[in-house]
Amino acid sequence: MSKRLLITGAGGFLGSRLSEYFRHRSDYECVAVGHRELDITDSLIVSAFMQGVRPDAVFHCAGISDTGVCEREPEQSHQINVNGTFNMAKAAERPEAR
């Protein structure tokens, strides 16, 4: 039985590399999403998505890593980097994902 993985931030540096690595492994089913597929700032959407996917493990790689963008757009950066991460962590509790 393969393990189901959820990778957020699949369009970014780390998420894209994790997605590529796990896509070629037969013992894992990889669900990789970017910001177009999953708005991590919306807790209801994240919760419903997580319940639908029911991953065994989550690699949460979504976020704004450019410090210049974070300084210019602090509210958006906080929404994504802090609130989005909180939403992912809370939603991962329900299906008991690691």
PDB file of N, CA and C in Angstrom:
ATOM      1  N   MET A   1       0.845  -1.184   0.000  1.00  0.00           N
ATOM      2  CA  MET A   1       0.000   0.000   0.000  1.00  0.00           C
ATOM      3  C   MET A   1       0.887   1.243   0.000  1.00  0.00           C
ATOM      4  N   SER A   2       0.634   2.130  -0.939  1.00  0.00           N
ATOM      5  CA  SER A   2       1.459   3.331  -1.026  1.00  0.00           C
ATOM      6  C   SER A   2       0.967   4.397  -0.058  1.00  0.00           C
ATOM      7  N   LYS A   3       1.891   5.225   0.351  1.00  0.00           N
ATOM      8  CA  LYS A   3       1.565   6.353   1.227  1.00  0.00           C
ATOM      9  C   LYS A   3       1.191   7.537   0.361  1.00  0.00           C
ATOM     10  N   ARG A   4       0.175   8.273   0.786  1.00  0.00           N
ATOM     11  CA  ARG A   4      -0.262   9.455   0.057  1.00  0.00           C
ATOM     12  C   ARG A   4       0.386  10.689   0.683  1.00  0.00           C
ATOM     13  N   LEU A   5       1.072  11.460  -0.149  1.00  0.00           N
ATOM     14  CA  LEU A   5       1.743  12.671   0.291  1.00  0.00           C
ATOM     15  C   LEU A   5       1.063  13.886  -0.310  1.00  0.00           C
ATOM     16  N   LEU A   6       0.968  14.946   0.479  1.00  0.00           N
ATOM     17  CA  LEU A   6       0.506  16.232  -0.016  1.00  0.00           C
ATOM     18  C   LEU A   6       1.682  17.190   0.049  1.00  0.00           C
ATOM     19  N   ILE A   7       1.975  17.822  -1.068  1.00  0.00           N
ATOM     20  CA  ILE A   7       3.057  18.806  -1.125  1.00  0.00           C
ATOM     21  C   ILE A   7       2.451  20.131  -1.546  1.00  0.00           C
ATOM     22  N   THR A   8       2.537  21.141  -0.667  1.00  0.00           N
ATOM     23  CA  THR A   8       2.093  22.483  -1.023  1.00  0.00           C
ATOM     24  C   THR A   8       3.290  23.256  -1.554  1.00  0.00           C
ATOM     25  N   GLY A   9       3.008  24.303  -2.296  1.00  0.00           N
ATOM     26  CA  GLY A   9       4.094  25.089  -2.866  1.00  0.00           C
ATOM     27  C   GLY A   9       4.815  24.355  -3.974  1.00  0.00           C
ATOM     28  N   ALA A  10       4.088  23.523  -4.711  1.00  0.00           N
ATOM     29  CA  ALA A  10       4.693  22.670  -5.736  1.00  0.00           C
ATOM     30  C   ALA A  10       5.302  23.455  -6.893  1.00  0.00           C
ATOM     31  N   GLY A  11       4.971  24.731  -7.006  1.00  0.00           N
ATOM     32  CA  GLY A  11       5.562  25.553  -8.052  1.00  0.00           C
ATOM     33  C   GLY A  11       6.842  26.236  -7.624  1.00  0.00           C
ATOM     34  N   GLY A  12       7.189  26.112  -6.355  1.00  0.00           N
ATOM     35  CA  GLY A  12       8.377  26.779  -5.831  1.00  0.00           C
ATOM     36  C   GLY A  12       9.617  25.899  -5.858  1.00  0.00           C
ATOM     37  N   PHE A  13      10.698  26.427  -5.331  1.00  0.00           N
ATOM     38  CA  PHE A  13      11.988  25.749  -5.366  1.00  0.00           C
ATOM     39  C   PHE A  13      11.952  24.384  -4.680  1.00  0.00           C
ATOM     40  N   LEU A  14      11.610  24.353  -3.414  1.00  0.00           N
ATOM     41  CA  LEU A  14      11.628  23.104  -2.649  1.00  0.00           C
ATOM     42  C   LEU A  14      10.471  22.188  -3.040  1.00  0.00           C
ATOM     43  N   GLY A  15       9.265  22.748  -3.126  1.00  0.00           N
ATOM     44  CA  GLY A  15       8.098  21.930  -3.455  1.00  0.00           C
ATOM     45  C   GLY A  15       8.208  21.239  -4.801  1.00  0.00           C
ATOM     46  N   SER A  16       8.757  21.918  -5.789  1.00  0.00           N
ATOM     47  CA  SER A  16       8.897  21.309  -7.116  1.00  0.00           C
ATOM     48  C   SER A  16       9.888  20.154  -7.088  1.00  0.00           C
ATOM     49  N   ARG A  17      10.933  20.290  -6.320  1.00  0.00           N
ATOM     50  CA  ARG A  17      11.928  19.227  -6.237  1.00  0.00           C
ATOM     51  C   ARG A  17      11.413  18.023  -5.460  1.00  0.00           C
ATOM     52  N   LEU A  18      10.673  18.274  -4.389  1.00  0.00           N
ATOM     53  CA  LEU A  18      10.057  17.167  -3.658  1.00  0.00           C
ATOM     54  C   LEU A  18       9.049  16.431  -4.537  1.00  0.00           C
ATOM     55  N   SER A  19       8.246  17.190  -5.265  1.00  0.00           N
ATOM     56  CA  SER A  19       7.255  16.588  -6.164  1.00  0.00           C
ATOM     57  C   SER A  19       7.927  15.706  -7.198  1.00  0.00           C
ATOM     58  N   GLU A  20       8.986  16.196  -7.786  1.00  0.00           N
ATOM     59  CA  GLU A  20       9.716  15.433  -8.797  1.00  0.00           C
ATOM     60  C   GLU A  20      10.302  14.155  -8.194  1.00  0.00           C
ATOM     61  N   TYR A  21      10.855  14.258  -7.014  1.00  0.00           N
ATOM     62  CA  TYR A  21      11.457  13.095  -6.356  1.00  0.00           C
ATOM     63  C   TYR A  21      10.417  12.011  -6.068  1.00  0.00           C
ATOM     64  N   PHE A  22       9.303  12.398  -5.449  1.00  0.00           N
ATOM     65  CA  PHE A  22       8.304  11.412  -5.049  1.00  0.00           C
ATOM     66  C   PHE A  22       7.456  10.908  -6.212  1.00  0.00           C
ATOM     67  N   ARG A  23       7.379  11.656  -7.286  1.00  0.00           N
ATOM     68  CA  ARG A  23       6.587  11.231  -8.435  1.00  0.00           C
ATOM     69  C   ARG A  23       7.148   9.944  -9.053  1.00  0.00           C
ATOM     70  N   HIS A  24       8.432   9.741  -8.928  1.00  0.00           N
ATOM     71  CA  HIS A  24       9.088   8.577  -9.527  1.00  0.00           C
ATOM     72  C   HIS A  24       9.248   7.409  -8.563  1.00  0.00           C
ATOM     73  N   ARG A  25       8.628   7.498  -7.405  1.00  0.00           N
ATOM     74  CA  ARG A  25       8.703   6.414  -6.430  1.00  0.00           C
ATOM     75  C   ARG A  25       7.371   5.682  -6.404  1.00  0.00           C
ATOM     76  N   SER A  26       7.404   4.386  -6.589  1.00  0.00           N
ATOM     77  CA  SER A  26       6.160   3.614  -6.662  1.00  0.00           C
ATOM     78  C   SER A  26       5.497   3.425  -5.299  1.00  0.00           C
ATOM     79  N   ASP A  27       6.229   3.643  -4.220  1.00  0.00           N
ATOM     80  CA  ASP A  27       5.661   3.449  -2.888  1.00  0.00           C
ATOM     81  C   ASP A  27       4.973   4.705  -2.341  1.00  0.00           C
ATOM     82  N   TYR A  28       4.863   5.758  -3.178  1.00  0.00           N
ATOM     83  CA  TYR A  28       4.202   7.000  -2.758  1.00  0.00           C
ATOM     84  C   TYR A  28       3.244   7.482  -3.829  1.00  0.00           C
ATOM     85  N   GLU A  29       2.109   7.977  -3.389  1.00  0.00           N
ATOM     86  CA  GLU A  29       1.185   8.694  -4.265  1.00  0.00           C
ATOM     87  C   GLU A  29       1.327  10.163  -3.885  1.00  0.00           C
ATOM     88  N   CYS A  30       1.703  10.986  -4.817  1.00  0.00           N
ATOM     89  CA  CYS A  30       2.021  12.379  -4.542  1.00  0.00           C
ATOM     90  C   CYS A  30       0.934  13.304  -5.086  1.00  0.00           C
ATOM     91  N   VAL A  31       0.356  14.108  -4.192  1.00  0.00           N
ATOM     92  CA  VAL A  31      -0.588  15.148  -4.584  1.00  0.00           C
ATOM     93  C   VAL A  31       0.155  16.464  -4.377  1.00  0.00           C
ATOM     94  N   ALA A  32       0.514  17.118  -5.471  1.00  0.00           N
ATOM     95  CA  ALA A  32       1.300  18.348  -5.408  1.00  0.00           C
ATOM     96  C   ALA A  32       0.452  19.517  -5.884  1.00  0.00           C
ATOM     97  N   VAL A  33       0.361  20.572  -5.069  1.00  0.00           N
ATOM     98  CA  VAL A  33      -0.476  21.721  -5.407  1.00  0.00           C
ATOM     99  C   VAL A  33       0.310  23.016  -5.245  1.00  0.00           C
ATOM    100  N   GLY A  34      -0.056  23.976  -6.067  1.00  0.00           N
ATOM    101  CA  GLY A  34       0.463  25.331  -5.961  1.00  0.00           C
ATOM    102  C   GLY A  34      -0.645  26.256  -5.497  1.00  0.00           C
ATOM    103  N   HIS A  35      -0.375  27.553  -5.516  1.00  0.00           N
ATOM    104  CA  HIS A  35      -1.360  28.505  -5.004  1.00  0.00           C
ATOM    105  C   HIS A  35      -2.616  28.590  -5.866  1.00  0.00           C
ATOM    106  N   ARG A  36      -2.520  28.197  -7.123  1.00  0.00           N
ATOM    107  CA  ARG A  36      -3.716  28.206  -7.981  1.00  0.00           C
ATOM    108  C   ARG A  36      -4.676  27.071  -7.619  1.00  0.00           C
ATOM    109  N   GLU A  37      -4.132  25.973  -7.145  1.00  0.00           N
ATOM    110  CA  GLU A  37      -4.966  24.820  -6.794  1.00  0.00           C
ATOM    111  C   GLU A  37      -5.478  24.864  -5.349  1.00  0.00           C
ATOM    112  N   LEU A  38      -4.757  25.542  -4.477  1.00  0.00           N
ATOM    113  CA  LEU A  38      -5.143  25.570  -3.060  1.00  0.00           C
ATOM    114  C   LEU A  38      -4.781  26.902  -2.433  1.00  0.00           C
ATOM    115  N   ASP A  39      -5.797  27.628  -1.971  1.00  0.00           N
ATOM    116  CA  ASP A  39      -5.593  28.893  -1.267  1.00  0.00           C
ATOM    117  C   ASP A  39      -5.420  28.576   0.217  1.00  0.00           C
ATOM    118  N   ILE A  40      -4.178  28.519   0.667  1.00  0.00           N
ATOM    119  CA  ILE A  40      -3.913  28.123   2.056  1.00  0.00           C
ATOM    120  C   ILE A  40      -4.358  29.173   3.064  1.00  0.00           C
ATOM    121  N   THR A  41      -4.700  30.378   2.610  1.00  0.00           N
ATOM    122  CA  THR A  41      -5.142  31.417   3.545  1.00  0.00           C
ATOM    123  C   THR A  41      -6.609  31.253   3.933  1.00  0.00           C
ATOM    124  N   ASP A  42      -7.320  30.370   3.264  1.00  0.00           N
ATOM    125  CA  ASP A  42      -8.740  30.127   3.556  1.00  0.00           C
ATOM    126  C   ASP A  42      -8.862  28.811   4.322  1.00  0.00           C
ATOM    127  N   SER A  43      -9.136  28.911   5.605  1.00  0.00           N
ATOM    128  CA  SER A  43      -9.151  27.719   6.464  1.00  0.00           C
ATOM    129  C   SER A  43     -10.215  26.706   6.053  1.00  0.00           C
ATOM    130  N   LEU A  44     -11.364  27.165   5.570  1.00  0.00           N
ATOM    131  CA  LEU A  44     -12.425  26.235   5.157  1.00  0.00           C
ATOM    132  C   LEU A  44     -12.022  25.460   3.906  1.00  0.00           C
ATOM    133  N   ILE A  45     -11.408  26.142   2.962  1.00  0.00           N
ATOM    134  CA  ILE A  45     -10.941  25.472   1.746  1.00  0.00           C
ATOM    135  C   ILE A  45      -9.852  24.467   2.081  1.00  0.00           C
ATOM    136  N   VAL A  46      -8.926  24.862   2.940  1.00  0.00           N
ATOM    137  CA  VAL A  46      -7.829  23.971   3.334  1.00  0.00           C
ATOM    138  C   VAL A  46      -8.382  22.731   4.035  1.00  0.00           C
ATOM    139  N   SER A  47      -9.315  22.941   4.947  1.00  0.00           N
ATOM    140  CA  SER A  47      -9.901  21.823   5.684  1.00  0.00           C
ATOM    141  C   SER A  47     -10.623  20.859   4.743  1.00  0.00           C
ATOM    142  N   ALA A  48     -11.430  21.389   3.839  1.00  0.00           N
ATOM    143  CA  ALA A  48     -12.157  20.533   2.891  1.00  0.00           C
ATOM    144  C   ALA A  48     -11.189  19.796   1.964  1.00  0.00           C
ATOM    145  N   PHE A  49     -10.161  20.491   1.518  1.00  0.00           N
ATOM    146  CA  PHE A  49      -9.175  19.873   0.643  1.00  0.00           C
ATOM    147  C   PHE A  49      -8.461  18.731   1.359  1.00  0.00           C
ATOM    148  N   MET A  50      -8.066  18.983   2.592  1.00  0.00           N
ATOM    149  CA  MET A  50      -7.351  17.971   3.372  1.00  0.00           C
ATOM    150  C   MET A  50      -8.237  16.757   3.630  1.00  0.00           C
ATOM    151  N   GLN A  51      -9.505  16.980   3.904  1.00  0.00           N
ATOM    152  CA  GLN A  51     -10.422  15.862   4.123  1.00  0.00           C
ATOM    153  C   GLN A  51     -10.622  15.058   2.842  1.00  0.00           C
ATOM    154  N   GLY A  52     -10.582  15.726   1.700  1.00  0.00           N
ATOM    155  CA  GLY A  52     -10.725  15.038   0.432  1.00  0.00           C
ATOM    156  C   GLY A  52      -9.492  14.229   0.065  1.00  0.00           C
ATOM    157  N   VAL A  53      -8.323  14.785   0.315  1.00  0.00           N
ATOM    158  CA  VAL A  53      -7.065  14.124  -0.056  1.00  0.00           C
ATOM    159  C   VAL A  53      -6.669  13.070   0.976  1.00  0.00           C
ATOM    160  N   ARG A  54      -6.884  13.370   2.237  1.00  0.00           N
ATOM    161  CA  ARG A  54      -6.539  12.484   3.357  1.00  0.00           C
ATOM    162  C   ARG A  54      -5.093  11.963   3.245  1.00  0.00           C
ATOM    163  N   PRO A  55      -4.136  12.885   3.288  1.00  0.00           N
ATOM    164  CA  PRO A  55      -2.733  12.477   3.146  1.00  0.00           C
ATOM    165  C   PRO A  55      -2.201  11.787   4.390  1.00  0.00           C
ATOM    166  N   ASP A  56      -1.205  10.938   4.191  1.00  0.00           N
ATOM    167  CA  ASP A  56      -0.487  10.335   5.314  1.00  0.00           C
ATOM    168  C   ASP A  56       0.571  11.302   5.846  1.00  0.00           C
ATOM    169  N   ALA A  57       1.086  12.132   4.964  1.00  0.00           N
ATOM    170  CA  ALA A  57       2.100  13.115   5.350  1.00  0.00           C
ATOM    171  C   ALA A  57       1.948  14.358   4.492  1.00  0.00           C
ATOM    172  N   VAL A  58       2.311  15.499   5.077  1.00  0.00           N
ATOM    173  CA  VAL A  58       2.229  16.779   4.385  1.00  0.00           C
ATOM    174  C   VAL A  58       3.602  17.438   4.393  1.00  0.00           C
ATOM    175  N   PHE A  59       4.040  17.853   3.220  1.00  0.00           N
ATOM    176  CA  PHE A  59       5.228  18.693   3.092  1.00  0.00           C
ATOM    177  C   PHE A  59       4.703  20.084   2.751  1.00  0.00           C
ATOM    178  N   HIS A  60       4.669  20.942   3.741  1.00  0.00           N
ATOM    179  CA  HIS A  60       4.132  22.289   3.535  1.00  0.00           C
ATOM    180  C   HIS A  60       5.277  23.207   3.125  1.00  0.00           C
ATOM    181  N   CYS A  61       5.371  23.465   1.821  1.00  0.00           N
ATOM    182  CA  CYS A  61       6.457  24.277   1.259  1.00  0.00           C
ATOM    183  C   CYS A  61       5.953  25.604   0.712  1.00  0.00           C
ATOM    184  N   ALA A  62       4.668  25.866   0.845  1.00  0.00           N
ATOM    185  CA  ALA A  62       4.104  27.102   0.312  1.00  0.00           C
ATOM    186  C   ALA A  62       4.492  28.275   1.209  1.00  0.00           C
ATOM    187  N   GLY A  63       4.788  29.378   0.588  1.00  0.00           N
ATOM    188  CA  GLY A  63       5.100  30.583   1.340  1.00  0.00           C
ATOM    189  C   GLY A  63       5.817  31.593   0.473  1.00  0.00           C
ATOM    190  N   ILE A  64       5.900  32.792   0.989  1.00  0.00           N
ATOM    191  CA  ILE A  64       6.648  33.848   0.310  1.00  0.00           C
ATOM    192  C   ILE A  64       8.028  33.874   0.934  1.00  0.00           C
ATOM    193  N   SER A  65       9.028  33.514   0.152  1.00  0.00           N
ATOM    194  CA  SER A  65      10.389  33.442   0.679  1.00  0.00           C
ATOM    195  C   SER A  65      11.225  34.670   0.348  1.00  0.00           C
ATOM    196  N   ASP A  66      10.753  35.488  -0.558  1.00  0.00           N
ATOM    197  CA  ASP A  66      11.480  36.700  -0.954  1.00  0.00           C
ATOM    198  C   ASP A  66      11.301  37.756   0.135  1.00  0.00           C
ATOM    199  N   THR A  67      12.375  38.060   0.846  1.00  0.00           N
ATOM    200  CA  THR A  67      12.274  39.010   1.958  1.00  0.00           C
ATOM    201  C   THR A  67      11.892  40.410   1.490  1.00  0.00           C
ATOM    202  N   GLY A  68      12.266  40.762   0.271  1.00  0.00           N
ATOM    203  CA  GLY A  68      11.865  42.064  -0.271  1.00  0.00           C
ATOM    204  C   GLY A  68      10.363  42.158  -0.420  1.00  0.00           C
ATOM    205  N   VAL A  69       9.754  41.102  -0.929  1.00  0.00           N
ATOM    206  CA  VAL A  69       8.291  41.060  -1.055  1.00  0.00           C
ATOM    207  C   VAL A  69       7.656  41.108   0.329  1.00  0.00           C
ATOM    208  N   CYS A  70       8.221  40.386   1.267  1.00  0.00           N
ATOM    209  CA  CYS A  70       7.676  40.376   2.628  1.00  0.00           C
ATOM    210  C   CYS A  70       7.715  41.771   3.247  1.00  0.00           C
ATOM    211  N   GLU A  71       8.777  42.513   2.997  1.00  0.00           N
ATOM    212  CA  GLU A  71       8.874  43.869   3.533  1.00  0.00           C
ATOM    213  C   GLU A  71       7.914  44.822   2.838  1.00  0.00           C
ATOM    214  N   ARG A  72       7.741  44.675   1.523  1.00  0.00           N
ATOM    215  CA  ARG A  72       6.835  45.554   0.777  1.00  0.00           C
ATOM    216  C   ARG A  72       5.370  45.219   1.006  1.00  0.00           C
ATOM    217  N   GLU A  73       5.081  43.957   1.249  1.00  0.00           N
ATOM    218  CA  GLU A  73       3.694  43.505   1.408  1.00  0.00           C
ATOM    219  C   GLU A  73       3.549  42.680   2.689  1.00  0.00           C
ATOM    220  N   PRO A  74       3.705  43.337   3.845  1.00  0.00           N
ATOM    221  CA  PRO A  74       3.705  42.583   5.104  1.00  0.00           C
ATOM    222  C   PRO A  74       2.386  41.885   5.433  1.00  0.00           C
ATOM    223  N   GLU A  75       1.272  42.499   5.066  1.00  0.00           N
ATOM    224  CA  GLU A  75      -0.021  41.871   5.383  1.00  0.00           C
ATOM    225  C   GLU A  75      -0.225  40.595   4.573  1.00  0.00           C
ATOM    226  N   GLN A  76       0.053  40.664   3.276  1.00  0.00           N
ATOM    227  CA  GLN A  76      -0.092  39.477   2.436  1.00  0.00           C
ATOM    228  C   GLN A  76       0.897  38.397   2.875  1.00  0.00           C
ATOM    229  N   SER A  77       2.102  38.788   3.188  1.00  0.00           N
ATOM    230  CA  SER A  77       3.120  37.834   3.636  1.00  0.00           C
ATOM    231  C   SER A  77       2.689  37.147   4.922  1.00  0.00           C
ATOM    232  N   HIS A  78       2.119  37.908   5.837  1.00  0.00           N
ATOM    233  CA  HIS A  78       1.644  37.330   7.102  1.00  0.00           C
ATOM    234  C   HIS A  78       0.492  36.367   6.845  1.00  0.00           C
ATOM    235  N   GLN A  79      -0.423  36.764   5.952  1.00  0.00           N
ATOM    236  CA  GLN A  79      -1.554  35.892   5.622  1.00  0.00           C
ATOM    237  C   GLN A  79      -1.070  34.545   5.106  1.00  0.00           C
ATOM    238  N   ILE A  80      -0.095  34.559   4.212  1.00  0.00           N
ATOM    239  CA  ILE A  80       0.382  33.328   3.585  1.00  0.00           C
ATOM    240  C   ILE A  80       1.335  32.570   4.506  1.00  0.00           C
ATOM    241  N   ASN A  81       2.358  33.255   4.993  1.00  0.00           N
ATOM    242  CA  ASN A  81       3.419  32.577   5.745  1.00  0.00           C
ATOM    243  C   ASN A  81       3.004  32.165   7.152  1.00  0.00           C
ATOM    244  N   VAL A  82       2.155  32.946   7.786  1.00  0.00           N
ATOM    245  CA  VAL A  82       1.750  32.631   9.168  1.00  0.00           C
ATOM    246  C   VAL A  82       0.369  31.976   9.193  1.00  0.00           C
ATOM    247  N   ASN A  83      -0.640  32.698   8.704  1.00  0.00           N
ATOM    248  CA  ASN A  83      -1.998  32.154   8.766  1.00  0.00           C
ATOM    249  C   ASN A  83      -2.156  30.919   7.878  1.00  0.00           C
ATOM    250  N   GLY A  84      -1.545  30.939   6.706  1.00  0.00           N
ATOM    251  CA  GLY A  84      -1.616  29.782   5.817  1.00  0.00           C
ATOM    252  C   GLY A  84      -0.985  28.550   6.443  1.00  0.00           C
ATOM    253  N   THR A  85       0.151  28.744   7.082  1.00  0.00           N
ATOM    254  CA  THR A  85       0.824  27.629   7.749  1.00  0.00           C
ATOM    255  C   THR A  85      -0.022  27.114   8.913  1.00  0.00           C
ATOM    256  N   PHE A  86      -0.626  28.017   9.661  1.00  0.00           N
ATOM    257  CA  PHE A  86      -1.513  27.621  10.755  1.00  0.00           C
ATOM    258  C   PHE A  86      -2.692  26.807  10.210  1.00  0.00           C
ATOM    259  N   ASN A  87      -3.286  27.266   9.098  1.00  0.00           N
ATOM    260  CA  ASN A  87      -4.415  26.539   8.501  1.00  0.00           C
ATOM    261  C   ASN A  87      -4.010  25.132   8.081  1.00  0.00           C
ATOM    262  N   MET A  88      -2.835  25.009   7.490  1.00  0.00           N
ATOM    263  CA  MET A  88      -2.350  23.692   7.073  1.00  0.00           C
ATOM    264  C   MET A  88      -2.135  22.785   8.287  1.00  0.00           C
ATOM    265  N   ALA A  89      -1.531  23.311   9.329  1.00  0.00           N
ATOM    266  CA  ALA A  89      -1.262  22.511  10.526  1.00  0.00           C
ATOM    267  C   ALA A  89      -2.566  22.049  11.191  1.00  0.00           C
ATOM    268  N   LYS A  90      -3.522  22.949  11.309  1.00  0.00           N
ATOM    269  CA  LYS A  90      -4.804  22.585  11.920  1.00  0.00           C
ATOM    270  C   LYS A  90      -5.535  21.532  11.083  1.00  0.00           C
ATOM    271  N   ALA A  91      -5.530  21.698   9.778  1.00  0.00           N
ATOM    272  CA  ALA A  91      -6.230  20.754   8.900  1.00  0.00           C
ATOM    273  C   ALA A  91      -5.548  19.392   8.906  1.00  0.00           C
ATOM    274  N   ALA A  92      -4.252  19.349   9.108  1.00  0.00           N
ATOM    275  CA  ALA A  92      -3.521  18.071   9.125  1.00  0.00           C
ATOM    276  C   ALA A  92      -3.821  17.264  10.382  1.00  0.00           C
ATOM    277  N   GLU A  93      -4.333  17.914  11.413  1.00  0.00           N
ATOM    278  CA  GLU A  93      -4.691  17.194  12.635  1.00  0.00           C
ATOM    279  C   GLU A  93      -5.847  16.226  12.403  1.00  0.00           C
ATOM    280  N   ARG A  94      -6.802  16.635  11.590  1.00  0.00           N
ATOM    281  CA  ARG A  94      -8.019  15.850  11.423  1.00  0.00           C
ATOM    282  C   ARG A  94      -7.777  14.491  10.770  1.00  0.00           C
ATOM    283  N   PRO A  95      -7.071  14.418   9.640  1.00  0.00           N
ATOM    284  CA  PRO A  95      -6.830  13.084   9.095  1.00  0.00           C
ATOM    285  C   PRO A  95      -5.585  12.435   9.733  1.00  0.00           C
ATOM    286  N   GLU A  96      -5.056  13.088  10.768  1.00  0.00           N
ATOM    287  CA  GLU A  96      -3.863  12.600  11.468  1.00  0.00           C
ATOM    288  C   GLU A  96      -2.683  12.435  10.537  1.00  0.00           C
ATOM    289  N   ALA A  97      -2.494  13.426   9.698  1.00  0.00           N
ATOM    290  CA  ALA A  97      -1.335  13.435   8.798  1.00  0.00           C
ATOM    291  C   ALA A  97      -0.097  13.856   9.578  1.00  0.00           C
ATOM    292  N   ARG A  98       1.022  13.358   9.162  1.00  0.00           N
ATOM    293  CA  ARG A  98       2.292  13.742   9.798  1.00  0.00           C
ATOM    294  C   ARG A  98       2.852  14.950   9.101  1.00  0.00           C
TER     295      ARG A  98
END
